[in-house]
N, C-alpha and C. Protein backbone atom coordinates (compact mmCIF):
# COMPACT_ATOMS: atom_id res chain seq x y z
N MET A 1 -75.99 -26.69 -28.81
CA MET A 1 -74.80 -27.43 -28.45
C MET A 1 -74.21 -28.05 -29.72
N ALA A 2 -72.92 -27.97 -29.86
CA ALA A 2 -72.25 -28.51 -31.05
C ALA A 2 -72.34 -30.04 -31.05
N ASP A 3 -72.36 -30.62 -32.26
CA ASP A 3 -72.47 -32.07 -32.38
C ASP A 3 -71.33 -32.80 -31.69
N LEU A 4 -70.10 -32.27 -31.79
CA LEU A 4 -68.96 -32.91 -31.15
C LEU A 4 -69.11 -32.89 -29.63
N GLU A 5 -69.57 -31.77 -29.10
CA GLU A 5 -69.79 -31.67 -27.65
C GLU A 5 -70.88 -32.65 -27.20
N LYS A 6 -71.93 -32.78 -27.98
CA LYS A 6 -72.99 -33.74 -27.66
C LYS A 6 -72.43 -35.15 -27.54
N GLN A 7 -71.55 -35.51 -28.47
CA GLN A 7 -71.01 -36.87 -28.47
C GLN A 7 -70.03 -37.11 -27.33
N LEU A 8 -69.15 -36.14 -27.08
CA LEU A 8 -68.11 -36.34 -26.08
C LEU A 8 -68.60 -36.14 -24.64
N VAL A 9 -69.40 -35.11 -24.42
CA VAL A 9 -69.79 -34.76 -23.06
C VAL A 9 -71.12 -35.40 -22.66
N LYS A 10 -72.07 -35.35 -23.54
CA LYS A 10 -73.43 -35.79 -23.20
C LYS A 10 -73.74 -37.23 -23.61
N ASN A 11 -72.80 -37.90 -24.31
CA ASN A 11 -72.95 -39.29 -24.74
C ASN A 11 -74.10 -39.49 -25.74
N PHE A 12 -74.33 -38.47 -26.58
CA PHE A 12 -75.31 -38.62 -27.66
C PHE A 12 -74.74 -39.56 -28.71
N ARG A 13 -75.62 -40.24 -29.43
CA ARG A 13 -75.22 -41.13 -30.52
C ARG A 13 -76.03 -40.78 -31.76
N LEU A 14 -75.42 -41.02 -32.91
CA LEU A 14 -76.15 -40.81 -34.15
C LEU A 14 -77.21 -41.91 -34.25
N THR A 15 -78.46 -41.49 -34.33
CA THR A 15 -79.58 -42.43 -34.34
C THR A 15 -80.30 -42.32 -35.68
N THR A 16 -80.53 -43.46 -36.30
CA THR A 16 -81.27 -43.52 -37.56
C THR A 16 -82.50 -44.38 -37.33
N ALA A 17 -83.65 -43.88 -37.77
CA ALA A 17 -84.90 -44.63 -37.64
C ALA A 17 -85.56 -44.72 -39.00
N GLU A 18 -85.98 -45.94 -39.35
CA GLU A 18 -86.82 -46.13 -40.54
C GLU A 18 -88.25 -46.21 -40.04
N ILE A 19 -89.05 -45.27 -40.47
CA ILE A 19 -90.44 -45.19 -40.03
C ILE A 19 -91.33 -45.64 -41.18
N LEU A 20 -92.09 -46.69 -40.96
CA LEU A 20 -93.06 -47.16 -41.95
C LEU A 20 -94.43 -46.66 -41.53
N TYR A 21 -95.14 -46.06 -42.47
CA TYR A 21 -96.45 -45.50 -42.15
C TYR A 21 -97.43 -45.77 -43.29
N HIS A 22 -98.71 -45.77 -42.95
CA HIS A 22 -99.77 -45.97 -43.94
C HIS A 22 -100.03 -44.67 -44.68
N LEU A 23 -100.15 -44.75 -45.99
CA LEU A 23 -100.49 -43.56 -46.77
C LEU A 23 -101.92 -43.14 -46.43
N PRO A 24 -102.18 -41.86 -46.21
CA PRO A 24 -103.52 -41.42 -45.82
C PRO A 24 -104.60 -41.77 -46.84
N ASP A 25 -104.31 -41.60 -48.13
CA ASP A 25 -105.31 -41.87 -49.16
C ASP A 25 -105.41 -43.34 -49.54
N TYR A 26 -104.35 -44.12 -49.28
CA TYR A 26 -104.30 -45.54 -49.61
C TYR A 26 -103.78 -46.31 -48.40
N PRO A 27 -104.63 -46.56 -47.40
CA PRO A 27 -104.16 -47.14 -46.14
C PRO A 27 -103.58 -48.55 -46.26
N ASP A 28 -103.81 -49.24 -47.37
CA ASP A 28 -103.22 -50.57 -47.55
C ASP A 28 -101.75 -50.50 -47.99
N PHE A 29 -101.29 -49.32 -48.37
CA PHE A 29 -99.91 -49.13 -48.82
C PHE A 29 -99.06 -48.52 -47.70
N LEU A 30 -97.81 -48.98 -47.64
CA LEU A 30 -96.87 -48.44 -46.66
C LEU A 30 -95.83 -47.58 -47.36
N GLN A 31 -95.45 -46.52 -46.70
CA GLN A 31 -94.40 -45.63 -47.19
C GLN A 31 -93.29 -45.64 -46.14
N SER A 32 -92.04 -45.47 -46.59
CA SER A 32 -90.90 -45.45 -45.69
C SER A 32 -90.36 -44.04 -45.57
N TYR A 33 -89.99 -43.66 -44.34
CA TYR A 33 -89.38 -42.36 -44.07
C TYR A 33 -88.14 -42.61 -43.21
N ILE A 34 -87.01 -42.03 -43.58
CA ILE A 34 -85.77 -42.18 -42.82
C ILE A 34 -85.55 -40.90 -42.01
N TRP A 35 -85.37 -41.08 -40.71
CA TRP A 35 -85.13 -39.98 -39.78
C TRP A 35 -83.75 -40.17 -39.15
N GLN A 36 -82.97 -39.10 -39.03
CA GLN A 36 -81.63 -39.22 -38.45
C GLN A 36 -81.33 -37.97 -37.61
N GLU A 37 -80.85 -38.22 -36.39
CA GLU A 37 -80.56 -37.13 -35.46
C GLU A 37 -79.68 -37.68 -34.34
N TYR A 38 -79.02 -36.80 -33.61
CA TYR A 38 -78.28 -37.22 -32.42
C TYR A 38 -79.27 -37.40 -31.28
N ASP A 39 -79.17 -38.53 -30.58
CA ASP A 39 -80.13 -38.87 -29.53
C ASP A 39 -79.44 -39.68 -28.45
N LEU A 40 -80.09 -39.82 -27.32
CA LEU A 40 -79.55 -40.56 -26.18
C LEU A 40 -80.15 -41.95 -26.13
N ALA A 41 -79.30 -42.98 -26.32
CA ALA A 41 -79.76 -44.36 -26.19
C ALA A 41 -79.75 -44.73 -24.71
N PRO A 42 -80.59 -45.58 -24.23
CA PRO A 42 -81.59 -46.39 -24.94
C PRO A 42 -83.00 -45.80 -24.93
N LYS A 43 -83.20 -44.63 -24.29
CA LYS A 43 -84.56 -44.08 -24.19
C LYS A 43 -84.98 -43.26 -25.40
N PHE A 44 -84.04 -42.70 -26.13
CA PHE A 44 -84.29 -41.94 -27.37
C PHE A 44 -85.35 -40.85 -27.19
N PRO A 45 -85.10 -39.86 -26.32
CA PRO A 45 -86.11 -38.81 -26.11
C PRO A 45 -86.37 -37.94 -27.33
N VAL A 46 -85.36 -37.69 -28.16
CA VAL A 46 -85.56 -36.87 -29.36
C VAL A 46 -86.45 -37.61 -30.35
N LEU A 47 -86.20 -38.89 -30.55
CA LEU A 47 -87.03 -39.70 -31.46
C LEU A 47 -88.46 -39.79 -30.94
N HIS A 48 -88.63 -40.00 -29.65
CA HIS A 48 -89.99 -40.06 -29.09
C HIS A 48 -90.72 -38.73 -29.28
N GLY A 49 -90.00 -37.63 -29.12
CA GLY A 49 -90.62 -36.33 -29.38
C GLY A 49 -91.07 -36.18 -30.82
N PHE A 50 -90.23 -36.66 -31.76
CA PHE A 50 -90.59 -36.59 -33.17
C PHE A 50 -91.81 -37.48 -33.46
N LEU A 51 -91.83 -38.68 -32.89
CA LEU A 51 -92.96 -39.59 -33.12
C LEU A 51 -94.25 -39.06 -32.49
N ASP A 52 -94.14 -38.39 -31.34
CA ASP A 52 -95.32 -37.74 -30.75
C ASP A 52 -95.84 -36.64 -31.67
N PHE A 53 -94.93 -35.84 -32.21
CA PHE A 53 -95.33 -34.81 -33.17
C PHE A 53 -96.04 -35.45 -34.36
N TRP A 54 -95.46 -36.55 -34.88
CA TRP A 54 -96.03 -37.24 -36.04
C TRP A 54 -97.46 -37.69 -35.75
N THR A 55 -97.67 -38.37 -34.62
CA THR A 55 -99.00 -38.92 -34.34
C THR A 55 -100.05 -37.83 -34.10
N HIS A 56 -99.63 -36.66 -33.61
CA HIS A 56 -100.59 -35.60 -33.33
C HIS A 56 -100.81 -34.63 -34.49
N ASN A 57 -99.88 -34.56 -35.45
CA ASN A 57 -99.97 -33.53 -36.48
C ASN A 57 -100.00 -34.03 -37.92
N LEU A 58 -99.63 -35.28 -38.16
CA LEU A 58 -99.59 -35.79 -39.53
C LEU A 58 -100.65 -36.85 -39.73
N GLU A 59 -101.10 -37.00 -40.97
CA GLU A 59 -102.20 -37.91 -41.26
C GLU A 59 -101.77 -39.36 -41.39
N GLY A 60 -100.55 -39.63 -41.78
CA GLY A 60 -100.11 -41.01 -42.00
C GLY A 60 -99.98 -41.77 -40.69
N ARG A 61 -100.80 -42.82 -40.50
CA ARG A 61 -100.78 -43.62 -39.28
C ARG A 61 -99.52 -44.47 -39.26
N LEU A 62 -98.82 -44.47 -38.13
CA LEU A 62 -97.57 -45.23 -38.02
C LEU A 62 -97.83 -46.73 -38.06
N HIS A 63 -96.96 -47.45 -38.76
CA HIS A 63 -97.02 -48.91 -38.81
C HIS A 63 -95.93 -49.50 -37.93
N SER A 64 -94.67 -49.10 -38.14
CA SER A 64 -93.55 -49.61 -37.36
C SER A 64 -92.37 -48.67 -37.46
N VAL A 65 -91.46 -48.80 -36.49
CA VAL A 65 -90.25 -47.98 -36.44
C VAL A 65 -89.08 -48.89 -36.13
N TYR A 66 -88.05 -48.85 -36.97
CA TYR A 66 -86.82 -49.62 -36.78
C TYR A 66 -85.72 -48.62 -36.43
N VAL A 67 -85.00 -48.88 -35.34
CA VAL A 67 -84.02 -47.93 -34.84
C VAL A 67 -82.63 -48.55 -34.82
N ALA A 68 -81.64 -47.77 -35.26
CA ALA A 68 -80.23 -48.16 -35.16
C ALA A 68 -79.48 -46.94 -34.63
N ASN A 69 -78.47 -47.20 -33.79
CA ASN A 69 -77.66 -46.08 -33.32
C ASN A 69 -76.22 -46.51 -33.23
N LYS A 70 -75.34 -45.54 -33.36
CA LYS A 70 -73.90 -45.80 -33.40
C LYS A 70 -73.19 -44.68 -32.68
N LYS A 71 -72.32 -45.07 -31.76
CA LYS A 71 -71.47 -44.09 -31.11
C LYS A 71 -70.35 -43.78 -32.09
N LEU A 72 -70.31 -42.55 -32.60
CA LEU A 72 -69.36 -42.20 -33.66
C LEU A 72 -67.95 -42.02 -33.15
N ILE A 73 -67.81 -41.41 -32.01
CA ILE A 73 -66.49 -41.17 -31.47
C ILE A 73 -66.30 -42.09 -30.27
N THR A 74 -65.36 -43.00 -30.36
CA THR A 74 -65.10 -43.95 -29.29
C THR A 74 -63.81 -43.57 -28.58
N PRO A 75 -63.54 -44.14 -27.41
CA PRO A 75 -62.30 -43.79 -26.71
C PRO A 75 -61.04 -44.01 -27.54
N GLY A 76 -61.03 -45.01 -28.41
CA GLY A 76 -59.86 -45.24 -29.26
C GLY A 76 -59.65 -44.17 -30.32
N ASP A 77 -60.66 -43.36 -30.57
CA ASP A 77 -60.57 -42.31 -31.59
C ASP A 77 -59.99 -41.01 -31.04
N THR A 78 -59.94 -40.87 -29.74
CA THR A 78 -59.43 -39.63 -29.15
C THR A 78 -58.08 -39.88 -28.50
N ARG A 79 -57.18 -38.92 -28.65
CA ARG A 79 -55.85 -39.02 -28.06
C ARG A 79 -55.49 -37.68 -27.44
N PHE A 80 -54.73 -37.74 -26.38
CA PHE A 80 -54.24 -36.53 -25.74
C PHE A 80 -52.79 -36.34 -26.13
N CYS A 81 -52.37 -35.10 -26.26
CA CYS A 81 -50.99 -34.82 -26.63
C CYS A 81 -50.38 -33.87 -25.62
N ASP A 82 -49.06 -33.94 -25.52
CA ASP A 82 -48.32 -33.06 -24.60
C ASP A 82 -47.96 -31.73 -25.25
N HIS A 83 -47.78 -31.74 -26.57
CA HIS A 83 -47.34 -30.54 -27.28
C HIS A 83 -48.21 -30.32 -28.50
N GLU A 84 -48.36 -29.06 -28.82
CA GLU A 84 -49.07 -28.69 -30.04
C GLU A 84 -48.19 -27.72 -30.79
N ILE A 85 -47.95 -27.98 -32.06
CA ILE A 85 -47.09 -27.15 -32.89
C ILE A 85 -47.93 -26.58 -34.04
N THR A 86 -47.83 -25.27 -34.21
CA THR A 86 -48.54 -24.62 -35.29
C THR A 86 -47.53 -24.11 -36.30
N ILE A 87 -47.70 -24.51 -37.55
CA ILE A 87 -46.81 -24.07 -38.63
C ILE A 87 -47.56 -23.05 -39.45
N GLN A 88 -46.92 -21.89 -39.64
CA GLN A 88 -47.60 -20.85 -40.41
C GLN A 88 -46.87 -20.58 -41.69
């Protein structure tokens, strides 16, 4: 599905997550990873799927996840028109 269609029809939002995790070899140190994808707020199924993959397949133990999301296209950004003119 195209990103524009996700936003307009399915109400997806651009979601950014900062994931802090413990380094496998140095568990006292934290590393930051930025993840960004279109997802459905407030349940964030795509992010939960990614975090499930992380916990089952990667060695770095999760410390915390900070999530922000923004609806990119709002009703004020879209307009309907009566005529369309193409200049060639």
